[in-house]
Amino acid sequence: MRIHSNKPQSVFRSEGQASQPMRLLPNSVNPISVFAKFESPTALLTPSLVNAVDENTGELVYSWLLIIETVA
C-alpha cells in the first residue's frame, strides 16, 4: 500500500517512508503517520485528501479527509 495526497507538498510521509510500501495486517489497527506542513494559511482553505492505495491492484484501501485549522 502507498499513501497519496491531493497536496503532496503539504501532506506527505517522511522521505524514508515514502519510498517504502506499507504492509497492512488484516483484522488489526494499522498506524499510518503523515506530516502536514503548510507554508501559507490560504492552503488550509480547502480540505486535504489522503488516500491509501493497494500497490498491486491500484484499488483504494482507505481514504481520509483532513480539515486542518490553525489557532491564533
PDB file of N, CA and C in Angstrom:
ATOM      1  N   MET A   1       0.844  -1.158   0.000  1.00  0.00           N
ATOM      2  CA  MET A   1       0.000   0.000   0.000  1.00  0.00           C
ATOM      3  C   MET A   1       0.899   1.234   0.000  1.00  0.00           C
ATOM      4  N   ARG A   2       0.466   2.243  -0.726  1.00  0.00           N
ATOM      5  CA  ARG A   2       1.174   3.527  -0.747  1.00  0.00           C
ATOM      6  C   ARG A   2       0.198   4.638  -0.392  1.00  0.00           C
ATOM      7  N   ILE A   3       0.757   5.714   0.164  1.00  0.00           N
ATOM      8  CA  ILE A   3      -0.043   6.870   0.559  1.00  0.00           C
ATOM      9  C   ILE A   3       0.102   7.959  -0.504  1.00  0.00           C
ATOM     10  N   HIS A   4      -1.029   8.546  -0.907  1.00  0.00           N
ATOM     11  CA  HIS A   4      -1.047   9.645  -1.874  1.00  0.00           C
ATOM     12  C   HIS A   4      -1.909  10.769  -1.313  1.00  0.00           C
ATOM     13  N   SER A   5      -1.603  11.996  -1.697  1.00  0.00           N
ATOM     14  CA  SER A   5      -2.354  13.151  -1.224  1.00  0.00           C
ATOM     15  C   SER A   5      -2.654  14.091  -2.381  1.00  0.00           C
ATOM     16  N   ASN A   6      -3.750  14.833  -2.259  1.00  0.00           N
ATOM     17  CA  ASN A   6      -4.047  15.857  -3.262  1.00  0.00           C
ATOM     18  C   ASN A   6      -3.155  17.086  -3.067  1.00  0.00           C
ATOM     19  N   LYS A   7      -2.450  17.149  -1.952  1.00  0.00           N
ATOM     20  CA  LYS A   7      -1.499  18.233  -1.672  1.00  0.00           C
ATOM     21  C   LYS A   7      -0.158  17.617  -1.269  1.00  0.00           C
ATOM     22  N   PRO A   8       0.543  16.995  -2.227  1.00  0.00           N
ATOM     23  CA  PRO A   8       1.764  16.257  -1.868  1.00  0.00           C
ATOM     24  C   PRO A   8       2.884  17.116  -1.288  1.00  0.00           C
ATOM     25  N   GLN A   9       2.862  18.424  -1.546  1.00  0.00           N
ATOM     26  CA  GLN A   9       3.874  19.299  -0.952  1.00  0.00           C
ATOM     27  C   GLN A   9       3.555  19.629   0.502  1.00  0.00           C
ATOM     28  N   SER A  10       2.294  19.428   0.895  1.00  0.00           N
ATOM     29  CA  SER A  10       1.858  19.801   2.244  1.00  0.00           C
ATOM     30  C   SER A  10       1.567  18.605   3.143  1.00  0.00           C
ATOM     31  N   VAL A  11       1.037  17.534   2.578  1.00  0.00           N
ATOM     32  CA  VAL A  11       0.703  16.336   3.362  1.00  0.00           C
ATOM     33  C   VAL A  11       1.474  15.170   2.755  1.00  0.00           C
ATOM     34  N   PHE A  12       2.382  14.581   3.539  1.00  0.00           N
ATOM     35  CA  PHE A  12       3.289  13.581   2.985  1.00  0.00           C
ATOM     36  C   PHE A  12       3.840  12.692   4.087  1.00  0.00           C
ATOM     37  N   ARG A  13       4.439  11.587   3.678  1.00  0.00           N
ATOM     38  CA  ARG A  13       5.184  10.727   4.602  1.00  0.00           C
ATOM     39  C   ARG A  13       6.640  11.166   4.581  1.00  0.00           C
ATOM     40  N   SER A  14       7.409  10.764   5.567  1.00  0.00           N
ATOM     41  CA  SER A  14       8.828  11.133   5.597  1.00  0.00           C
ATOM     42  C   SER A  14       9.530  10.538   4.379  1.00  0.00           C
ATOM     43  N   GLU A  15      10.665  11.106   3.999  1.00  0.00           N
ATOM     44  CA  GLU A  15      11.386  10.643   2.810  1.00  0.00           C
ATOM     45  C   GLU A  15      11.708   9.158   2.888  1.00  0.00           C
ATOM     46  N   GLY A  16      12.137   8.706   4.040  1.00  0.00           N
ATOM     47  CA  GLY A  16      12.479   7.292   4.200  1.00  0.00           C
ATOM     48  C   GLY A  16      11.272   6.383   4.072  1.00  0.00           C
ATOM     49  N   GLN A  17      10.118   6.832   4.552  1.00  0.00           N
ATOM     50  CA  GLN A  17       8.907   6.032   4.484  1.00  0.00           C
ATOM     51  C   GLN A  17       8.224   6.121   3.127  1.00  0.00           C
ATOM     52  N   ALA A  18       8.332   7.265   2.462  1.00  0.00           N
ATOM     53  CA  ALA A  18       7.607   7.484   1.206  1.00  0.00           C
ATOM     54  C   ALA A  18       8.003   6.480   0.134  1.00  0.00           C
ATOM     55  N   SER A  19       9.251   6.083   0.117  1.00  0.00           N
ATOM     56  CA  SER A  19       9.709   5.148  -0.913  1.00  0.00           C
ATOM     57  C   SER A  19       9.400   3.693  -0.571  1.00  0.00           C
ATOM     58  N   GLN A  20       8.985   3.443   0.654  1.00  0.00           N
ATOM     59  CA  GLN A  20       8.700   2.080   1.100  1.00  0.00           C
ATOM     60  C   GLN A  20       7.203   1.799   1.088  1.00  0.00           C
ATOM     61  N   PRO A  21       6.763   0.730   0.425  1.00  0.00           N
ATOM     62  CA  PRO A  21       5.341   0.381   0.536  1.00  0.00           C
ATOM     63  C   PRO A  21       5.041  -0.100   1.955  1.00  0.00           C
ATOM     64  N   MET A  22       3.807   0.095   2.384  1.00  0.00           N
ATOM     65  CA  MET A  22       3.398  -0.317   3.728  1.00  0.00           C
ATOM     66  C   MET A  22       2.649  -1.642   3.647  1.00  0.00           C
ATOM     67  N   ARG A  23       2.837  -2.480   4.637  1.00  0.00           N
ATOM     68  CA  ARG A  23       2.081  -3.723   4.734  1.00  0.00           C
ATOM     69  C   ARG A  23       0.998  -3.542   5.784  1.00  0.00           C
ATOM     70  N   LEU A  24      -0.208  -3.944   5.455  1.00  0.00           N
ATOM     71  CA  LEU A  24      -1.313  -3.890   6.407  1.00  0.00           C
ATOM     72  C   LEU A  24      -1.575  -5.278   6.941  1.00  0.00           C
ATOM     73  N   LEU A  25      -1.834  -5.367   8.215  1.00  0.00           N
ATOM     74  CA  LEU A  25      -2.189  -6.634   8.826  1.00  0.00           C
ATOM     75  C   LEU A  25      -3.706  -6.704   8.941  1.00  0.00           C
ATOM     76  N   PRO A  26      -4.328  -7.765   8.415  1.00  0.00           N
ATOM     77  CA  PRO A  26      -5.787  -7.859   8.489  1.00  0.00           C
ATOM     78  C   PRO A  26      -6.279  -7.976   9.932  1.00  0.00           C
ATOM     79  N   ASN A  27      -7.468  -7.472  10.179  1.00  0.00           N
ATOM     80  CA  ASN A  27      -8.123  -7.544  11.495  1.00  0.00           C
ATOM     81  C   ASN A  27      -7.284  -6.919  12.604  1.00  0.00           C
ATOM     82  N   SER A  28      -6.608  -5.833  12.288  1.00  0.00           N
ATOM     83  CA  SER A  28      -5.808  -5.167  13.300  1.00  0.00           C
ATOM     84  C   SER A  28      -5.768  -3.666  12.998  1.00  0.00           C
ATOM     85  N   VAL A  29      -5.296  -2.908  13.977  1.00  0.00           N
ATOM     86  CA  VAL A  29      -5.121  -1.470  13.798  1.00  0.00           C
ATOM     87  C   VAL A  29      -3.763  -1.253  13.150  1.00  0.00           C
ATOM     88  N   ASN A  30      -3.748  -0.533  12.043  1.00  0.00           N
ATOM     89  CA  ASN A  30      -2.515  -0.260  11.315  1.00  0.00           C
ATOM     90  C   ASN A  30      -2.227   1.235  11.381  1.00  0.00           C
ATOM     91  N   PRO A  31      -1.278   1.662  12.215  1.00  0.00           N
ATOM     92  CA  PRO A  31      -0.990   3.097  12.308  1.00  0.00           C
ATOM     93  C   PRO A  31      -0.312   3.603  11.030  1.00  0.00           C
ATOM     94  N   ILE A  32      -0.739   4.772  10.598  1.00  0.00           N
ATOM     95  CA  ILE A  32      -0.162   5.413   9.419  1.00  0.00           C
ATOM     96  C   ILE A  32       0.139   6.851   9.812  1.00  0.00           C
ATOM     97  N   SER A  33       1.385   7.259   9.653  1.00  0.00           N
ATOM     98  CA  SER A  33       1.740   8.636  10.023  1.00  0.00           C
ATOM     99  C   SER A  33       2.035   9.448   8.771  1.00  0.00           C
ATOM    100  N   VAL A  34       1.548  10.680   8.787  1.00  0.00           N
ATOM    101  CA  VAL A  34       1.839  11.628   7.714  1.00  0.00           C
ATOM    102  C   VAL A  34       2.216  12.957   8.354  1.00  0.00           C
ATOM    103  N   PHE A  35       2.988  13.734   7.636  1.00  0.00           N
ATOM    104  CA  PHE A  35       3.335  15.083   8.060  1.00  0.00           C
ATOM    105  C   PHE A  35       2.410  16.057   7.359  1.00  0.00           C
ATOM    106  N   ALA A  36       2.045  17.125   8.049  1.00  0.00           N
ATOM    107  CA  ALA A  36       1.259  18.207   7.452  1.00  0.00           C
ATOM    108  C   ALA A  36       2.048  19.492   7.648  1.00  0.00           C
ATOM    109  N   LYS A  37       2.423  20.116   6.534  1.00  0.00           N
ATOM    110  CA  LYS A  37       3.240  21.332   6.578  1.00  0.00           C
ATOM    111  C   LYS A  37       2.653  22.320   5.573  1.00  0.00           C
ATOM    112  N   PHE A  38       2.168  23.443   6.065  1.00  0.00           N
ATOM    113  CA  PHE A  38       1.542  24.435   5.203  1.00  0.00           C
ATOM    114  C   PHE A  38       2.302  25.743   5.319  1.00  0.00           C
ATOM    115  N   GLU A  39       2.736  26.262   4.185  1.00  0.00           N
ATOM    116  CA  GLU A  39       3.522  27.496   4.144  1.00  0.00           C
ATOM    117  C   GLU A  39       2.652  28.737   4.299  1.00  0.00           C
ATOM    118  N   SER A  40       1.398  28.666   3.867  1.00  0.00           N
ATOM    119  CA  SER A  40       0.530  29.844   3.955  1.00  0.00           C
ATOM    120  C   SER A  40      -0.866  29.428   4.415  1.00  0.00           C
ATOM    121  N   PRO A  41      -1.579  30.306   5.091  1.00  0.00           N
ATOM    122  CA  PRO A  41      -2.931  29.991   5.561  1.00  0.00           C
ATOM    123  C   PRO A  41      -3.921  29.721   4.423  1.00  0.00           C
ATOM    124  N   THR A  42      -3.643  30.246   3.234  1.00  0.00           N
ATOM    125  CA  THR A  42      -4.576  30.010   2.121  1.00  0.00           C
ATOM    126  C   THR A  42      -4.609  28.536   1.708  1.00  0.00           C
ATOM    127  N   ALA A  43      -3.537  27.806   1.975  1.00  0.00           N
ATOM    128  CA  ALA A  43      -3.507  26.380   1.652  1.00  0.00           C
ATOM    129  C   ALA A  43      -4.479  25.586   2.522  1.00  0.00           C
ATOM    130  N   LEU A  44      -4.898  26.175   3.637  1.00  0.00           N
ATOM    131  CA  LEU A  44      -5.818  25.491   4.546  1.00  0.00           C
ATOM    132  C   LEU A  44      -7.281  25.720   4.190  1.00  0.00           C
ATOM    133  N   LEU A  45      -7.543  26.522   3.171  1.00  0.00           N
ATOM    134  CA  LEU A  45      -8.922  26.836   2.817  1.00  0.00           C
ATOM    135  C   LEU A  45      -9.670  25.639   2.229  1.00  0.00           C
ATOM    136  N   THR A  46      -8.946  24.710   1.636  1.00  0.00           N
ATOM    137  CA  THR A  46      -9.579  23.508   1.097  1.00  0.00           C
ATOM    138  C   THR A  46      -9.084  22.286   1.871  1.00  0.00           C
ATOM    139  N   PRO A  47      -9.939  21.280   2.043  1.00  0.00           N
ATOM    140  CA  PRO A  47      -9.526  20.082   2.771  1.00  0.00           C
ATOM    141  C   PRO A  47      -8.395  19.333   2.056  1.00  0.00           C
ATOM    142  N   SER A  48      -7.649  18.597   2.819  1.00  0.00           N
ATOM    143  CA  SER A  48      -6.592  17.752   2.268  1.00  0.00           C
ATOM    144  C   SER A  48      -7.102  16.320   2.238  1.00  0.00           C
ATOM    145  N   LEU A  49      -6.869  15.643   1.135  1.00  0.00           N
ATOM    146  CA  LEU A  49      -7.308  14.267   0.970  1.00  0.00           C
ATOM    147  C   LEU A  49      -6.093  13.359   1.001  1.00  0.00           C
ATOM    148  N   VAL A  50      -6.158  12.315   1.809  1.00  0.00           N
ATOM    149  CA  VAL A  50      -5.086  11.332   1.894  1.00  0.00           C
ATOM    150  C   VAL A  50      -5.675   9.982   1.525  1.00  0.00           C
ATOM    151  N   ASN A  51      -5.086   9.330   0.526  1.00  0.00           N
ATOM    152  CA  ASN A  51      -5.563   8.028   0.078  1.00  0.00           C
ATOM    153  C   ASN A  51      -4.501   6.969   0.299  1.00  0.00           C
ATOM    154  N   ALA A  52      -4.927   5.801   0.729  1.00  0.00           N
ATOM    155  CA  ALA A  52      -4.068   4.627   0.807  1.00  0.00           C
ATOM    156  C   ALA A  52      -4.494   3.712  -0.336  1.00  0.00           C
ATOM    157  N   VAL A  53      -3.550   3.421  -1.229  1.00  0.00           N
ATOM    158  CA  VAL A  53      -3.852   2.669  -2.441  1.00  0.00           C
ATOM    159  C   VAL A  53      -3.044   1.372  -2.451  1.00  0.00           C
ATOM    160  N   ASP A  54      -3.726   0.268  -2.783  1.00  0.00           N
ATOM    161  CA  ASP A  54      -3.058  -1.024  -2.905  1.00  0.00           C
ATOM    162  C   ASP A  54      -2.057  -0.934  -4.054  1.00  0.00           C
ATOM    163  N   GLU A  55      -0.817  -1.267  -3.778  1.00  0.00           N
ATOM    164  CA  GLU A  55       0.241  -1.139  -4.777  1.00  0.00           C
ATOM    165  C   GLU A  55       0.086  -2.130  -5.924  1.00  0.00           C
ATOM    166  N   ASN A  56      -0.476  -3.294  -5.660  1.00  0.00           N
ATOM    167  CA  ASN A  56      -0.597  -4.321  -6.689  1.00  0.00           C
ATOM    168  C   ASN A  56      -1.821  -4.145  -7.577  1.00  0.00           C
ATOM    169  N   THR A  57      -2.959  -3.800  -6.981  1.00  0.00           N
ATOM    170  CA  THR A  57      -4.199  -3.726  -7.747  1.00  0.00           C
ATOM    171  C   THR A  57      -4.600  -2.305  -8.110  1.00  0.00           C
ATOM    172  N   GLY A  58      -4.033  -1.304  -7.422  1.00  0.00           N
ATOM    173  CA  GLY A  58      -4.423   0.080  -7.657  1.00  0.00           C
ATOM    174  C   GLY A  58      -5.740   0.454  -6.995  1.00  0.00           C
ATOM    175  N   GLU A  59      -6.299  -0.450  -6.190  1.00  0.00           N
ATOM    176  CA  GLU A  59      -7.569  -0.194  -5.517  1.00  0.00           C
ATOM    177  C   GLU A  59      -7.377   0.698  -4.291  1.00  0.00           C
ATOM    178  N   LEU A  60      -8.390   1.531  -4.052  1.00  0.00           N
ATOM    179  CA  LEU A  60      -8.394   2.378  -2.868  1.00  0.00           C
ATOM    180  C   LEU A  60      -8.660   1.515  -1.638  1.00  0.00           C
ATOM    181  N   VAL A  61      -7.790   1.603  -0.646  1.00  0.00           N
ATOM    182  CA  VAL A  61      -7.928   0.810   0.577  1.00  0.00           C
ATOM    183  C   VAL A  61      -8.577   1.652   1.672  1.00  0.00           C
ATOM    184  N   TYR A  62      -8.063   2.848   1.883  1.00  0.00           N
ATOM    185  CA  TYR A  62      -8.584   3.794   2.870  1.00  0.00           C
ATOM    186  C   TYR A  62      -8.519   5.189   2.275  1.00  0.00           C
ATOM    187  N   SER A  63      -9.312   6.080   2.843  1.00  0.00           N
ATOM    188  CA  SER A  63      -9.255   7.471   2.444  1.00  0.00           C
ATOM    189  C   SER A  63      -9.590   8.332   3.658  1.00  0.00           C
ATOM    190  N   TRP A  64      -8.846   9.415   3.836  1.00  0.00           N
ATOM    191  CA  TRP A  64      -9.085  10.337   4.933  1.00  0.00           C
ATOM    192  C   TRP A  64      -9.252  11.738   4.380  1.00  0.00           C
ATOM    193  N   LEU A  65     -10.178  12.478   4.918  1.00  0.00           N
ATOM    194  CA  LEU A  65     -10.369  13.881   4.572  1.00  0.00           C
ATOM    195  C   LEU A  65      -9.890  14.683   5.779  1.00  0.00           C
ATOM    196  N   LEU A  66      -8.821  15.451   5.603  1.00  0.00           N
ATOM    197  CA  LEU A  66      -8.246  16.228   6.693  1.00  0.00           C
ATOM    198  C   LEU A  66      -8.697  17.673   6.572  1.00  0.00           C
ATOM    199  N   ILE A  67      -9.341  18.166   7.597  1.00  0.00           N
ATOM    200  CA  ILE A  67      -9.706  19.574   7.668  1.00  0.00           C
ATOM    201  C   ILE A  67      -8.857  20.153   8.780  1.00  0.00           C
ATOM    202  N   ILE A  68      -7.863  20.938   8.394  1.00  0.00           N
ATOM    203  CA  ILE A  68      -6.871  21.436   9.338  1.00  0.00           C
ATOM    204  C   ILE A  68      -7.108  22.912   9.587  1.00  0.00           C
ATOM    205  N   GLU A  69      -7.174  23.279  10.853  1.00  0.00           N
ATOM    206  CA  GLU A  69      -7.369  24.670  11.233  1.00  0.00           C
ATOM    207  C   GLU A  69      -6.220  25.117  12.116  1.00  0.00           C
ATOM    208  N   THR A  70      -5.907  26.392  12.059  1.00  0.00           N
ATOM    209  CA  THR A  70      -4.861  26.931  12.929  1.00  0.00           C
ATOM    210  C   THR A  70      -5.528  27.724  14.053  1.00  0.00           C
ATOM    211  N   VAL A  71      -4.818  27.843  15.135  1.00  0.00           N
ATOM    212  CA  VAL A  71      -5.295  28.603  16.269  1.00  0.00           C
ATOM    213  C   VAL A  71      -4.360  29.784  16.463  1.00  0.00           C
ATOM    214  N   ALA A  72      -4.927  30.954  16.547  1.00  0.00           N
ATOM    215  CA  ALA A  72      -4.103  32.166  16.697  1.00  0.00           C
ATOM    216  C   ALA A  72      -3.661  32.353  18.123  1.00  0.00           C
TER     217      ALA A  72
END
